[in-house]
Amino acid sequence: MSYRTFVDKDGSYWQVWDSQPTKVERRVAIEDRRRPRFLSWHGEERRRGGPDRRTMTQRRITLSEGYGAGWLTFESLSEKRRLTPIPSRWEDLSQGELRSLCEKAKRIARTEGMSPT
């Protein structure tokens, strides 16, 4: 994760960082994993112990459209924004270019922990 800071035209201090999800839902993959790629196994079952993973329930996090490849988060004391997709070599952009990206980014709802202005 890369991290940068800049000051906008109004003098507000911003932090910006990239977020790249590491676990992607297999169902969104192009390849259909339900079809066997090799010949079916006809030998003895080798898996032992533990519950069958197909019957276990687990919490899944779903990302909004376009966020699967990652996003930039812009945060100031008063607001938070996100931009997709992550521009290439954004870490090397000038302060003015970061300000421009921030202006294009979508404002998101405030979360706990952010202090009001």
PDB file of N, CA and C in Angstrom:
ATOM      1  N   MET A   1       0.838  -1.165   0.000  1.00  0.00           N
ATOM      2  CA  MET A   1       0.000   0.000   0.000  1.00  0.00           C
ATOM      3  C   MET A   1       0.889   1.237   0.000  1.00  0.00           C
ATOM      4  N   SER A   2       0.648   2.114  -0.951  1.00  0.00           N
ATOM      5  CA  SER A   2       1.380   3.372  -1.016  1.00  0.00           C
ATOM      6  C   SER A   2       0.581   4.456  -0.309  1.00  0.00           C
ATOM      7  N   TYR A   3       1.273   5.517   0.131  1.00  0.00           N
ATOM      8  CA  TYR A   3       0.648   6.569   0.919  1.00  0.00           C
ATOM      9  C   TYR A   3       1.249   7.912   0.529  1.00  0.00           C
ATOM     10  N   ARG A   4       0.382   8.912   0.346  1.00  0.00           N
ATOM     11  CA  ARG A   4       0.830  10.273   0.008  1.00  0.00           C
ATOM     12  C   ARG A   4      -0.006  11.285   0.780  1.00  0.00           C
ATOM     13  N   THR A   5       0.475  12.506   0.850  1.00  0.00           N
ATOM     14  CA  THR A   5      -0.284  13.609   1.425  1.00  0.00           C
ATOM     15  C   THR A   5      -0.193  14.799   0.481  1.00  0.00           C
ATOM     16  N   PHE A   6      -1.188  15.689   0.566  1.00  0.00           N
ATOM     17  CA  PHE A   6      -1.173  16.923  -0.207  1.00  0.00           C
ATOM     18  C   PHE A   6      -2.122  17.921   0.434  1.00  0.00           C
ATOM     19  N   VAL A   7      -2.017  19.176  -0.009  1.00  0.00           N
ATOM     20  CA  VAL A   7      -2.892  20.236   0.470  1.00  0.00           C
ATOM     21  C   VAL A   7      -3.711  20.718  -0.713  1.00  0.00           C
ATOM     22  N   ASP A   8      -5.054  20.818  -0.530  1.00  0.00           N
ATOM     23  CA  ASP A   8      -5.917  21.247  -1.635  1.00  0.00           C
ATOM     24  C   ASP A   8      -5.912  22.771  -1.777  1.00  0.00           C
ATOM     25  N   LYS A   9      -6.666  23.287  -2.741  1.00  0.00           N
ATOM     26  CA  LYS A   9      -6.673  24.723  -3.042  1.00  0.00           C
ATOM     27  C   LYS A   9      -7.222  25.563  -1.894  1.00  0.00           C
ATOM     28  N   ASP A  10      -8.009  24.934  -0.979  1.00  0.00           N
ATOM     29  CA  ASP A  10      -8.559  25.643   0.173  1.00  0.00           C
ATOM     30  C   ASP A  10      -7.677  25.532   1.410  1.00  0.00           C
ATOM     31  N   GLY A  11      -6.550  24.844   1.284  1.00  0.00           N
ATOM     32  CA  GLY A  11      -5.632  24.694   2.408  1.00  0.00           C
ATOM     33  C   GLY A  11      -5.905  23.496   3.296  1.00  0.00           C
ATOM     34  N   SER A  12      -6.833  22.621   2.878  1.00  0.00           N
ATOM     35  CA  SER A  12      -7.116  21.411   3.664  1.00  0.00           C
ATOM     36  C   SER A  12      -6.060  20.347   3.396  1.00  0.00           C
ATOM     37  N   TYR A  13      -5.677  19.660   4.454  1.00  0.00           N
ATOM     38  CA  TYR A  13      -4.673  18.596   4.395  1.00  0.00           C
ATOM     39  C   TYR A  13      -5.371  17.287   4.048  1.00  0.00           C
ATOM     40  N   TRP A  14      -4.872  16.574   3.058  1.00  0.00           N
ATOM     41  CA  TRP A  14      -5.446  15.297   2.614  1.00  0.00           C
ATOM     42  C   TRP A  14      -4.407  14.196   2.692  1.00  0.00           C
ATOM     43  N   GLN A  15      -4.881  13.014   3.012  1.00  0.00           N
ATOM     44  CA  GLN A  15      -4.081  11.794   2.937  1.00  0.00           C
ATOM     45  C   GLN A  15      -4.675  10.963   1.808  1.00  0.00           C
ATOM     46  N   VAL A  16      -3.834  10.270   1.068  1.00  0.00           N
ATOM     47  CA  VAL A  16      -4.335   9.394   0.002  1.00  0.00           C
ATOM     48  C   VAL A  16      -3.532   8.099   0.020  1.00  0.00           C
ATOM     49  N   TRP A  17      -4.242   6.997  -0.161  1.00  0.00           N
ATOM     50  CA  TRP A  17      -3.594   5.682  -0.207  1.00  0.00           C
ATOM     51  C   TRP A  17      -4.380   4.765  -1.127  1.00  0.00           C
ATOM     52  N   ASP A  18      -3.701   3.726  -1.600  1.00  0.00           N
ATOM     53  CA  ASP A  18      -4.367   2.747  -2.461  1.00  0.00           C
ATOM     54  C   ASP A  18      -4.808   1.549  -1.623  1.00  0.00           C
ATOM     55  N   SER A  19      -5.934   0.990  -2.015  1.00  0.00           N
ATOM     56  CA  SER A  19      -6.468  -0.213  -1.368  1.00  0.00           C
ATOM     57  C   SER A  19      -6.689  -1.246  -2.457  1.00  0.00           C
ATOM     58  N   GLN A  20      -6.119  -2.415  -2.254  1.00  0.00           N
ATOM     59  CA  GLN A  20      -6.251  -3.482  -3.234  1.00  0.00           C
ATOM     60  C   GLN A  20      -6.702  -4.744  -2.525  1.00  0.00           C
ATOM     61  N   PRO A  21      -7.958  -5.154  -2.764  1.00  0.00           N
ATOM     62  CA  PRO A  21      -8.468  -6.346  -2.080  1.00  0.00           C
ATOM     63  C   PRO A  21      -7.639  -7.572  -2.430  1.00  0.00           C
ATOM     64  N   THR A  22      -7.385  -8.406  -1.427  1.00  0.00           N
ATOM     65  CA  THR A  22      -6.556  -9.586  -1.662  1.00  0.00           C
ATOM     66  C   THR A  22      -7.371 -10.833  -1.938  1.00  0.00           C
ATOM     67  N   LYS A  23      -8.581 -10.915  -1.401  1.00  0.00           N
ATOM     68  CA  LYS A  23      -9.417 -12.088  -1.644  1.00  0.00           C
ATOM     69  C   LYS A  23     -10.541 -11.694  -2.585  1.00  0.00           C
ATOM     70  N   VAL A  24     -10.542 -12.310  -3.737  1.00  0.00           N
ATOM     71  CA  VAL A  24     -11.575 -12.021  -4.724  1.00  0.00           C
ATOM     72  C   VAL A  24     -12.516 -13.215  -4.790  1.00  0.00           C
ATOM     73  N   GLU A  25     -13.768 -12.938  -4.826  1.00  0.00           N
ATOM     74  CA  GLU A  25     -14.792 -13.979  -4.934  1.00  0.00           C
ATOM     75  C   GLU A  25     -14.518 -14.807  -6.181  1.00  0.00           C
ATOM     76  N   ARG A  26     -14.382 -16.125  -6.031  1.00  0.00           N
ATOM     77  CA  ARG A  26     -14.065 -16.977  -7.176  1.00  0.00           C
ATOM     78  C   ARG A  26     -15.166 -16.964  -8.219  1.00  0.00           C
ATOM     79  N   ARG A  27     -16.389 -16.665  -7.807  1.00  0.00           N
ATOM     80  CA  ARG A  27     -17.499 -16.689  -8.757  1.00  0.00           C
ATOM     81  C   ARG A  27     -17.412 -15.590  -9.802  1.00  0.00           C
ATOM     82  N   VAL A  28     -16.583 -14.580  -9.586  1.00  0.00           N
ATOM     83  CA  VAL A  28     -16.462 -13.514 -10.570  1.00  0.00           C
ATOM     84  C   VAL A  28     -15.353 -13.798 -11.582  1.00  0.00           C
ATOM     85  N   ALA A  29     -14.661 -14.896 -11.394  1.00  0.00           N
ATOM     86  CA  ALA A  29     -13.589 -15.262 -12.317  1.00  0.00           C
ATOM     87  C   ALA A  29     -14.158 -15.644 -13.679  1.00  0.00           C
ATOM     88  N   ILE A  30     -13.387 -15.406 -14.713  1.00  0.00           N
ATOM     89  CA  ILE A  30     -13.810 -15.731 -16.072  1.00  0.00           C
ATOM     90  C   ILE A  30     -13.975 -17.239 -16.235  1.00  0.00           C
ATOM     91  N   GLU A  31     -13.068 -17.966 -15.649  1.00  0.00           N
ATOM     92  CA  GLU A  31     -13.063 -19.424 -15.762  1.00  0.00           C
ATOM     93  C   GLU A  31     -14.128 -20.033 -14.855  1.00  0.00           C
ATOM     94  N   ASP A  32     -14.849 -21.019 -15.342  1.00  0.00           N
ATOM     95  CA  ASP A  32     -15.840 -21.723 -14.528  1.00  0.00           C
ATOM     96  C   ASP A  32     -15.124 -22.842 -13.790  1.00  0.00           C
ATOM     97  N   ARG A  33     -14.933 -22.679 -12.492  1.00  0.00           N
ATOM     98  CA  ARG A  33     -14.167 -23.637 -11.701  1.00  0.00           C
ATOM     99  C   ARG A  33     -14.958 -24.891 -11.381  1.00  0.00           C
ATOM    100  N   ARG A  34     -16.260 -24.905 -11.667  1.00  0.00           N
ATOM    101  CA  ARG A  34     -17.062 -26.091 -11.363  1.00  0.00           C
ATOM    102  C   ARG A  34     -16.812 -27.205 -12.367  1.00  0.00           C
ATOM    103  N   ARG A  35     -16.289 -26.856 -13.518  1.00  0.00           N
ATOM    104  CA  ARG A  35     -15.992 -27.879 -14.525  1.00  0.00           C
ATOM    105  C   ARG A  35     -14.604 -28.444 -14.274  1.00  0.00           C
ATOM    106  N   PRO A  36     -14.492 -29.750 -14.207  1.00  0.00           N
ATOM    107  CA  PRO A  36     -13.164 -30.329 -13.953  1.00  0.00           C
ATOM    108  C   PRO A  36     -12.218 -30.068 -15.124  1.00  0.00           C
ATOM    109  N   ARG A  37     -10.993 -29.683 -14.780  1.00  0.00           N
ATOM    110  CA  ARG A  37      -9.983 -29.433 -15.808  1.00  0.00           C
ATOM    111  C   ARG A  37      -9.237 -30.715 -16.172  1.00  0.00           C
ATOM    112  N   PHE A  38      -9.319 -31.688 -15.290  1.00  0.00           N
ATOM    113  CA  PHE A  38      -8.633 -32.947 -15.510  1.00  0.00           C
ATOM    114  C   PHE A  38      -9.661 -34.069 -15.446  1.00  0.00           C
ATOM    115  N   LEU A  39      -9.211 -35.256 -15.662  1.00  0.00           N
ATOM    116  CA  LEU A  39     -10.108 -36.401 -15.528  1.00  0.00           C
ATOM    117  C   LEU A  39     -10.584 -36.514 -14.084  1.00  0.00           C
ATOM    118  N   SER A  40     -11.812 -36.920 -13.909  1.00  0.00           N
ATOM    119  CA  SER A  40     -12.365 -37.065 -12.565  1.00  0.00           C
ATOM    120  C   SER A  40     -11.577 -38.103 -11.771  1.00  0.00           C
ATOM    121  N   TRP A  41     -11.504 -37.904 -10.467  1.00  0.00           N
ATOM    122  CA  TRP A  41     -10.802 -38.813  -9.564  1.00  0.00           C
ATOM    123  C   TRP A  41     -11.709 -39.983  -9.231  1.00  0.00           C
ATOM    124  N   HIS A  42     -11.220 -41.200  -9.419  1.00  0.00           N
ATOM    125  CA  HIS A  42     -12.021 -42.388  -9.148  1.00  0.00           C
ATOM    126  C   HIS A  42     -11.430 -43.220  -8.009  1.00  0.00           C
ATOM    127  N   GLY A  43     -10.420 -42.683  -7.344  1.00  0.00           N
ATOM    128  CA  GLY A  43      -9.789 -43.401  -6.241  1.00  0.00           C
ATOM    129  C   GLY A  43     -10.512 -43.158  -4.926  1.00  0.00           C
ATOM    130  N   GLU A  44      -9.874 -43.627  -3.852  1.00  0.00           N
ATOM    131  CA  GLU A  44     -10.430 -43.483  -2.516  1.00  0.00           C
ATOM    132  C   GLU A  44     -10.420 -41.999  -2.099  1.00  0.00           C
ATOM    133  N   GLU A  45     -11.433 -41.592  -1.344  1.00  0.00           N
ATOM    134  CA  GLU A  45     -11.509 -40.219  -0.829  1.00  0.00           C
ATOM    135  C   GLU A  45     -10.336 -39.974   0.114  1.00  0.00           C
ATOM    136  N   ARG A  46      -9.599 -38.910  -0.112  1.00  0.00           N
ATOM    137  CA  ARG A  46      -8.410 -38.626   0.687  1.00  0.00           C
ATOM    138  C   ARG A  46      -8.643 -37.579   1.764  1.00  0.00           C
ATOM    139  N   ARG A  47      -9.699 -36.807   1.671  1.00  0.00           N
ATOM    140  CA  ARG A  47      -9.952 -35.771   2.672  1.00  0.00           C
ATOM    141  C   ARG A  47     -10.461 -36.406   3.957  1.00  0.00           C
ATOM    142  N   ARG A  48      -9.925 -35.964   5.062  1.00  0.00           N
ATOM    143  CA  ARG A  48     -10.306 -36.509   6.356  1.00  0.00           C
ATOM    144  C   ARG A  48     -10.604 -35.378   7.333  1.00  0.00           C
ATOM    145  N   GLY A  49     -11.524 -35.657   8.266  1.00  0.00           N
ATOM    146  CA  GLY A  49     -11.776 -34.743   9.377  1.00  0.00           C
ATOM    147  C   GLY A  49     -12.326 -33.394   8.959  1.00  0.00           C
ATOM    148  N   GLY A  50     -12.773 -32.653   9.943  1.00  0.00           N
ATOM    149  CA  GLY A  50     -13.276 -31.306   9.719  1.00  0.00           C
ATOM    150  C   GLY A  50     -14.592 -31.290   8.971  1.00  0.00           C
ATOM    151  N   PRO A  51     -15.337 -30.254   9.168  1.00  0.00           N
ATOM    152  CA  PRO A  51     -16.621 -30.157   8.471  1.00  0.00           C
ATOM    153  C   PRO A  51     -16.414 -29.903   6.976  1.00  0.00           C
ATOM    154  N   ASP A  52     -17.383 -30.309   6.222  1.00  0.00           N
ATOM    155  CA  ASP A  52     -17.337 -30.078   4.777  1.00  0.00           C
ATOM    156  C   ASP A  52     -17.437 -28.571   4.544  1.00  0.00           C
ATOM    157  N   ARG A  53     -16.480 -27.990   3.870  1.00  0.00           N
ATOM    158  CA  ARG A  53     -16.446 -26.539   3.679  1.00  0.00           C
ATOM    159  C   ARG A  53     -17.638 -26.029   2.891  1.00  0.00           C
ATOM    160  N   ARG A  54     -18.281 -26.884   2.136  1.00  0.00           N
ATOM    161  CA  ARG A  54     -19.428 -26.444   1.344  1.00  0.00           C
ATOM    162  C   ARG A  54     -20.660 -26.226   2.205  1.00  0.00           C
ATOM    163  N   THR A  55     -20.667 -26.781   3.426  1.00  0.00           N
ATOM    164  CA  THR A  55     -21.831 -26.625   4.291  1.00  0.00           C
ATOM    165  C   THR A  55     -21.592 -25.597   5.385  1.00  0.00           C
ATOM    166  N   MET A  56     -20.391 -25.060   5.479  1.00  0.00           N
ATOM    167  CA  MET A  56     -20.084 -24.054   6.484  1.00  0.00           C
ATOM    168  C   MET A  56     -20.613 -22.698   6.023  1.00  0.00           C
ATOM    169  N   THR A  57     -21.101 -21.902   6.962  1.00  0.00           N
ATOM    170  CA  THR A  57     -21.513 -20.552   6.624  1.00  0.00           C
ATOM    171  C   THR A  57     -20.386 -19.606   6.997  1.00  0.00           C
ATOM    172  N   GLN A  58     -20.192 -18.609   6.174  1.00  0.00           N
ATOM    173  CA  GLN A  58     -19.173 -17.625   6.450  1.00  0.00           C
ATOM    174  C   GLN A  58     -19.631 -16.281   5.922  1.00  0.00           C
ATOM    175  N   ARG A  59     -19.164 -15.241   6.550  1.00  0.00           N
ATOM    176  CA  ARG A  59     -19.524 -13.896   6.148  1.00  0.00           C
ATOM    177  C   ARG A  59     -18.744 -13.512   4.900  1.00  0.00           C
ATOM    178  N   ARG A  60     -19.461 -13.007   3.924  1.00  0.00           N
ATOM    179  CA  ARG A  60     -18.810 -12.590   2.689  1.00  0.00           C
ATOM    180  C   ARG A  60     -18.933 -11.082   2.529  1.00  0.00           C
ATOM    181  N   ILE A  61     -17.881 -10.487   2.070  1.00  0.00           N
ATOM    182  CA  ILE A  61     -17.891  -9.055   1.806  1.00  0.00           C
ATOM    183  C   ILE A  61     -18.028  -8.876   0.305  1.00  0.00           C
ATOM    184  N   THR A  62     -19.000  -8.089  -0.082  1.00  0.00           N
ATOM    185  CA  THR A  62     -19.228  -7.837  -1.498  1.00  0.00           C
ATOM    186  C   THR A  62     -18.784  -6.420  -1.823  1.00  0.00           C
ATOM    187  N   LEU A  63     -17.971  -6.281  -2.851  1.00  0.00           N
ATOM    188  CA  LEU A  63     -17.512  -4.966  -3.282  1.00  0.00           C
ATOM    189  C   LEU A  63     -18.441  -4.415  -4.357  1.00  0.00           C
ATOM    190  N   SER A  64     -18.612  -3.114  -4.352  1.00  0.00           N
ATOM    191  CA  SER A  64     -19.412  -2.470  -5.383  1.00  0.00           C
ATOM    192  C   SER A  64     -18.718  -2.617  -6.729  1.00  0.00           C
ATOM    193  N   GLU A  65     -19.486  -2.470  -7.782  1.00  0.00           N
ATOM    194  CA  GLU A  65     -18.971  -2.568  -9.154  1.00  0.00           C
ATOM    195  C   GLU A  65     -17.766  -1.647  -9.341  1.00  0.00           C
ATOM    196  N   GLY A  66     -16.697  -2.183  -9.892  1.00  0.00           N
ATOM    197  CA  GLY A  66     -15.515  -1.395 -10.185  1.00  0.00           C
ATOM    198  C   GLY A  66     -14.464  -1.376  -9.102  1.00  0.00           C
ATOM    199  N   TYR A  67     -14.793  -1.847  -7.892  1.00  0.00           N
ATOM    200  CA  TYR A  67     -13.845  -1.798  -6.794  1.00  0.00           C
ATOM    201  C   TYR A  67     -13.003  -3.069  -6.675  1.00  0.00           C
ATOM    202  N   GLY A  68     -13.286  -4.090  -7.452  1.00  0.00           N
ATOM    203  CA  GLY A  68     -12.559  -5.352  -7.358  1.00  0.00           C
ATOM    204  C   GLY A  68     -11.080  -5.244  -7.661  1.00  0.00           C
ATOM    205  N   ALA A  69     -10.711  -4.281  -8.507  1.00  0.00           N
ATOM    206  CA  ALA A  69      -9.306  -4.110  -8.866  1.00  0.00           C
ATOM    207  C   ALA A  69      -8.605  -3.099  -7.968  1.00  0.00           C
ATOM    208  N   GLY A  70      -9.329  -2.538  -7.001  1.00  0.00           N
ATOM    209  CA  GLY A  70      -8.729  -1.591  -6.074  1.00  0.00           C
ATOM    210  C   GLY A  70      -9.220  -0.173  -6.288  1.00  0.00           C
ATOM    211  N   TRP A  71      -8.849   0.723  -5.365  1.00  0.00           N
ATOM    212  CA  TRP A  71      -9.278   2.110  -5.420  1.00  0.00           C
ATOM    213  C   TRP A  71      -8.305   2.976  -4.636  1.00  0.00           C
ATOM    214  N   LEU A  72      -8.367   4.276  -4.881  1.00  0.00           N
ATOM    215  CA  LEU A  72      -7.626   5.241  -4.082  1.00  0.00           C
ATOM    216  C   LEU A  72      -8.590   5.821  -3.059  1.00  0.00           C
ATOM    217  N   THR A  73      -8.141   5.969  -1.834  1.00  0.00           N
ATOM    218  CA  THR A  73      -8.925   6.622  -0.798  1.00  0.00           C
ATOM    219  C   THR A  73      -8.286   7.961  -0.493  1.00  0.00           C
ATOM    220  N   PHE A  74      -9.104   9.007  -0.514  1.00  0.00           N
ATOM    221  CA  PHE A  74      -8.684  10.357  -0.155  1.00  0.00           C
ATOM    222  C   PHE A  74      -9.406  10.705   1.139  1.00  0.00           C
ATOM    223  N   GLU A  75      -8.657  11.155   2.170  1.00  0.00           N
ATOM    224  CA  GLU A  75      -9.300  11.475   3.438  1.00  0.00           C
ATOM    225  C   GLU A  75      -8.737  12.768   4.011  1.00  0.00           C
ATOM    226  N   SER A  76      -9.654  13.661   4.395  1.00  0.00           N
ATOM    227  CA  SER A  76      -9.299  14.885   5.104  1.00  0.00           C
ATOM    228  C   SER A  76      -9.995  14.830   6.454  1.00  0.00           C
ATOM    229  N   LEU A  77      -9.893  15.875   7.246  1.00  0.00           N
ATOM    230  CA  LEU A  77     -10.576  15.899   8.534  1.00  0.00           C
ATOM    231  C   LEU A  77     -12.089  15.926   8.371  1.00  0.00           C
ATOM    232  N   SER A  78     -12.575  16.434   7.244  1.00  0.00           N
ATOM    233  CA  SER A  78     -14.017  16.601   7.090  1.00  0.00           C
ATOM    234  C   SER A  78     -14.688  15.635   6.119  1.00  0.00           C
ATOM    235  N   GLU A  79     -13.933  14.971   5.270  1.00  0.00           N
ATOM    236  CA  GLU A  79     -14.578  14.066   4.322  1.00  0.00           C
ATOM    237  C   GLU A  79     -13.648  12.976   3.826  1.00  0.00           C
ATOM    238  N   LYS A  80     -14.289  12.018   3.152  1.00  0.00           N
ATOM    239  CA  LYS A  80     -13.568  10.875   2.605  1.00  0.00           C
ATOM    240  C   LYS A  80     -14.090  10.637   1.194  1.00  0.00           C
ATOM    241  N   ARG A  81     -13.182  10.279   0.280  1.00  0.00           N
ATOM    242  CA  ARG A  81     -13.545  10.029  -1.110  1.00  0.00           C
ATOM    243  C   ARG A  81     -12.820   8.795  -1.617  1.00  0.00           C
ATOM    244  N   ARG A  82     -13.401   8.203  -2.678  1.00  0.00           N
ATOM    245  CA  ARG A  82     -12.758   7.055  -3.330  1.00  0.00           C
ATOM    246  C   ARG A  82     -12.752   7.257  -4.831  1.00  0.00           C
ATOM    247  N   LEU A  83     -11.691   6.754  -5.451  1.00  0.00           N
ATOM    248  CA  LEU A  83     -11.536   6.864  -6.898  1.00  0.00           C
ATOM    249  C   LEU A  83     -11.182   5.507  -7.480  1.00  0.00           C
ATOM    250  N   THR A  84     -11.919   5.099  -8.512  1.00  0.00           N
ATOM    251  CA  THR A  84     -11.593   3.884  -9.263  1.00  0.00           C
ATOM    252  C   THR A  84     -11.516   4.237 -10.726  1.00  0.00           C
ATOM    253  N   PRO A  85     -10.723   3.543 -11.483  1.00  0.00           N
ATOM    254  CA  PRO A  85      -9.665   2.622 -11.064  1.00  0.00           C
ATOM    255  C   PRO A  85      -8.447   3.394 -10.550  1.00  0.00           C
ATOM    256  N   ILE A  86      -7.510   2.674  -9.980  1.00  0.00           N
ATOM    257  CA  ILE A  86      -6.282   3.310  -9.506  1.00  0.00           C
ATOM    258  C   ILE A  86      -5.464   3.737 -10.711  1.00  0.00           C
ATOM    259  N   PRO A  87      -5.157   5.030 -10.833  1.00  0.00           N
ATOM    260  CA  PRO A  87      -4.327   5.476 -11.961  1.00  0.00           C
ATOM    261  C   PRO A  87      -2.914   4.876 -11.870  1.00  0.00           C
ATOM    262  N   SER A  88      -2.374   4.531 -13.010  1.00  0.00           N
ATOM    263  CA  SER A  88      -1.026   3.953 -12.998  1.00  0.00           C
ATOM    264  C   SER A  88      -0.028   5.011 -12.536  1.00  0.00           C
ATOM    265  N   ARG A  89       0.932   4.574 -11.761  1.00  0.00           N
ATOM    266  CA  ARG A  89       2.013   5.412 -11.237  1.00  0.00           C
ATOM    267  C   ARG A  89       1.505   6.639 -10.483  1.00  0.00           C
ATOM    268  N   TRP A  90       0.374   6.476  -9.787  1.00  0.00           N
ATOM    269  CA  TRP A  90      -0.188   7.604  -9.041  1.00  0.00           C
ATOM    270  C   TRP A  90       0.751   8.092  -7.949  1.00  0.00           C
ATOM    271  N   GLU A  91       1.624   7.208  -7.471  1.00  0.00           N
ATOM    272  CA  GLU A  91       2.561   7.574  -6.411  1.00  0.00           C
ATOM    273  C   GLU A  91       3.542   8.651  -6.853  1.00  0.00           C
ATOM    274  N   ASP A  92       3.736   8.776  -8.170  1.00  0.00           N
ATOM    275  CA  ASP A  92       4.702   9.726  -8.709  1.00  0.00           C
ATOM    276  C   ASP A  92       4.063  11.027  -9.193  1.00  0.00           C
ATOM    277  N   LEU A  93       2.748  11.161  -9.045  1.00  0.00           N
ATOM    278  CA  LEU A  93       2.061  12.361  -9.530  1.00  0.00           C
ATOM    279  C   LEU A  93       2.409  13.582  -8.687  1.00  0.00           C
ATOM    280  N   SER A  94       2.277  14.747  -9.302  1.00  0.00           N
ATOM    281  CA  SER A  94       2.536  15.996  -8.586  1.00  0.00           C
ATOM    282  C   SER A  94       1.390  16.301  -7.631  1.00  0.00           C
ATOM    283  N   GLN A  95       1.608  17.275  -6.747  1.00  0.00           N
ATOM    284  CA  GLN A  95       0.559  17.702  -5.818  1.00  0.00           C
ATOM    285  C   GLN A  95      -0.676  18.189  -6.587  1.00  0.00           C
ATOM    286  N   GLY A  96      -0.467  18.917  -7.659  1.00  0.00           N
ATOM    287  CA  GLY A  96      -1.579  19.417  -8.478  1.00  0.00           C
ATOM    288  C   GLY A  96      -2.369  18.279  -9.113  1.00  0.00           C
ATOM    289  N   GLU A  97      -1.670  17.254  -9.577  1.00  0.00           N
ATOM    290  CA  GLU A  97      -2.348  16.103 -10.184  1.00  0.00           C
ATOM    291  C   GLU A  97      -3.141  15.322  -9.135  1.00  0.00           C
ATOM    292  N   LEU A  98      -2.593  15.212  -7.910  1.00  0.00           N
ATOM    293  CA  LEU A  98      -3.336  14.553  -6.829  1.00  0.00           C
ATOM    294  C   LEU A  98      -4.593  15.349  -6.481  1.00  0.00           C
ATOM    295  N   ARG A  99      -4.478  16.685  -6.457  1.00  0.00           N
ATOM    296  CA  ARG A  99      -5.653  17.527  -6.193  1.00  0.00           C
ATOM    297  C   ARG A  99      -6.728  17.292  -7.242  1.00  0.00           C
ATOM    298  N   SER A 100      -6.315  17.179  -8.492  1.00  0.00           N
ATOM    299  CA  SER A 100      -7.257  16.946  -9.599  1.00  0.00           C
ATOM    300  C   SER A 100      -7.960  15.595  -9.446  1.00  0.00           C
ATOM    301  N   LEU A 101      -7.209  14.564  -9.086  1.00  0.00           N
ATOM    302  CA  LEU A 101      -7.804  13.243  -8.865  1.00  0.00           C
ATOM    303  C   LEU A 101      -8.795  13.286  -7.704  1.00  0.00           C
ATOM    304  N   CYS A 102      -8.436  14.007  -6.660  1.00  0.00           N
ATOM    305  CA  CYS A 102      -9.307  14.116  -5.493  1.00  0.00           C
ATOM    306  C   CYS A 102     -10.634  14.774  -5.874  1.00  0.00           C
ATOM    307  N   GLU A 103     -10.583  15.771  -6.724  1.00  0.00           N
ATOM    308  CA  GLU A 103     -11.805  16.446  -7.153  1.00  0.00           C
ATOM    309  C   GLU A 103     -12.705  15.520  -7.969  1.00  0.00           C
ATOM    310  N   LYS A 104     -12.110  14.557  -8.664  1.00  0.00           N
ATOM    311  CA  LYS A 104     -12.881  13.593  -9.463  1.00  0.00           C
ATOM    312  C   LYS A 104     -13.427  12.441  -8.618  1.00  0.00           C
ATOM    313  N   ALA A 105     -12.832  12.217  -7.454  1.00  0.00           N
ATOM    314  CA  ALA A 105     -13.202  11.077  -6.608  1.00  0.00           C
ATOM    315  C   ALA A 105     -14.612  11.239  -6.049  1.00  0.00           C
ATOM    316  N   LYS A 106     -15.250  10.100  -5.816  1.00  0.00           N
ATOM    317  CA  LYS A 106     -16.631  10.066  -5.306  1.00  0.00           C
ATOM    318  C   LYS A 106     -16.633  10.202  -3.784  1.00  0.00           C
ATOM    319  N   ARG A 107     -17.432  11.137  -3.284  1.00  0.00           N
ATOM    320  CA  ARG A 107     -17.566  11.297  -1.836  1.00  0.00           C
ATOM    321  C   ARG A 107     -18.301  10.091  -1.264  1.00  0.00           C
ATOM    322  N   ILE A 108     -17.854   9.660  -0.087  1.00  0.00           N
ATOM    323  CA  ILE A 108     -18.505   8.529   0.573  1.00  0.00           C
ATOM    324  C   ILE A 108     -18.982   8.970   1.942  1.00  0.00           C
ATOM    325  N   ALA A 109     -19.888   8.186   2.520  1.00  0.00           N
ATOM    326  CA  ALA A 109     -20.454   8.507   3.832  1.00  0.00           C
ATOM    327  C   ALA A 109     -19.363   8.523   4.885  1.00  0.00           C
ATOM    328  N   ARG A 110     -19.541   9.400   5.839  1.00  0.00           N
ATOM    329  CA  ARG A 110     -18.586   9.484   6.948  1.00  0.00           C
ATOM    330  C   ARG A 110     -18.689   8.238   7.810  1.00  0.00           C
ATOM    331  N   THR A 111     -17.582   7.852   8.379  1.00  0.00           N
ATOM    332  CA  THR A 111     -17.561   6.703   9.279  1.00  0.00           C
ATOM    333  C   THR A 111     -17.181   7.162  10.672  1.00  0.00           C
ATOM    334  N   GLU A 112     -17.460   6.340  11.662  1.00  0.00           N
ATOM    335  CA  GLU A 112     -17.079   6.682  13.033  1.00  0.00           C
ATOM    336  C   GLU A 112     -15.571   6.857  13.102  1.00  0.00           C
ATOM    337  N   GLY A 113     -15.165   7.779  13.940  1.00  0.00           N
ATOM    338  CA  GLY A 113     -13.737   8.028  14.091  1.00  0.00           C
ATOM    339  C   GLY A 113     -13.280   9.251  13.323  1.00  0.00           C
ATOM    340  N   MET A 114     -14.069   9.657  12.316  1.00  0.00           N
ATOM    341  CA  MET A 114     -13.727  10.877  11.594  1.00  0.00           C
ATOM    342  C   MET A 114     -14.258  12.059  12.393  1.00  0.00           C
ATOM    343  N   SER A 115     -13.425  13.029  12.645  1.00  0.00           N
ATOM    344  CA  SER A 115     -13.858  14.165  13.443  1.00  0.00           C
ATOM    345  C   SER A 115     -14.531  15.216  12.568  1.00  0.00           C
ATOM    346  N   PRO A 116     -15.638  15.806  13.028  1.00  0.00           N
ATOM    347  CA  PRO A 116     -16.307  16.840  12.239  1.00  0.00           C
ATOM    348  C   PRO A 116     -15.514  18.131  12.241  1.00  0.00           C
ATOM    349  N   THR A 117     -15.784  18.986  11.256  1.00  0.00           N
ATOM    350  CA  THR A 117     -15.088  20.282  11.211  1.00  0.00           C
ATOM    351  C   THR A 117     -15.988  21.371  11.730  1.00  0.00           C
TER     352      THR A 117
END
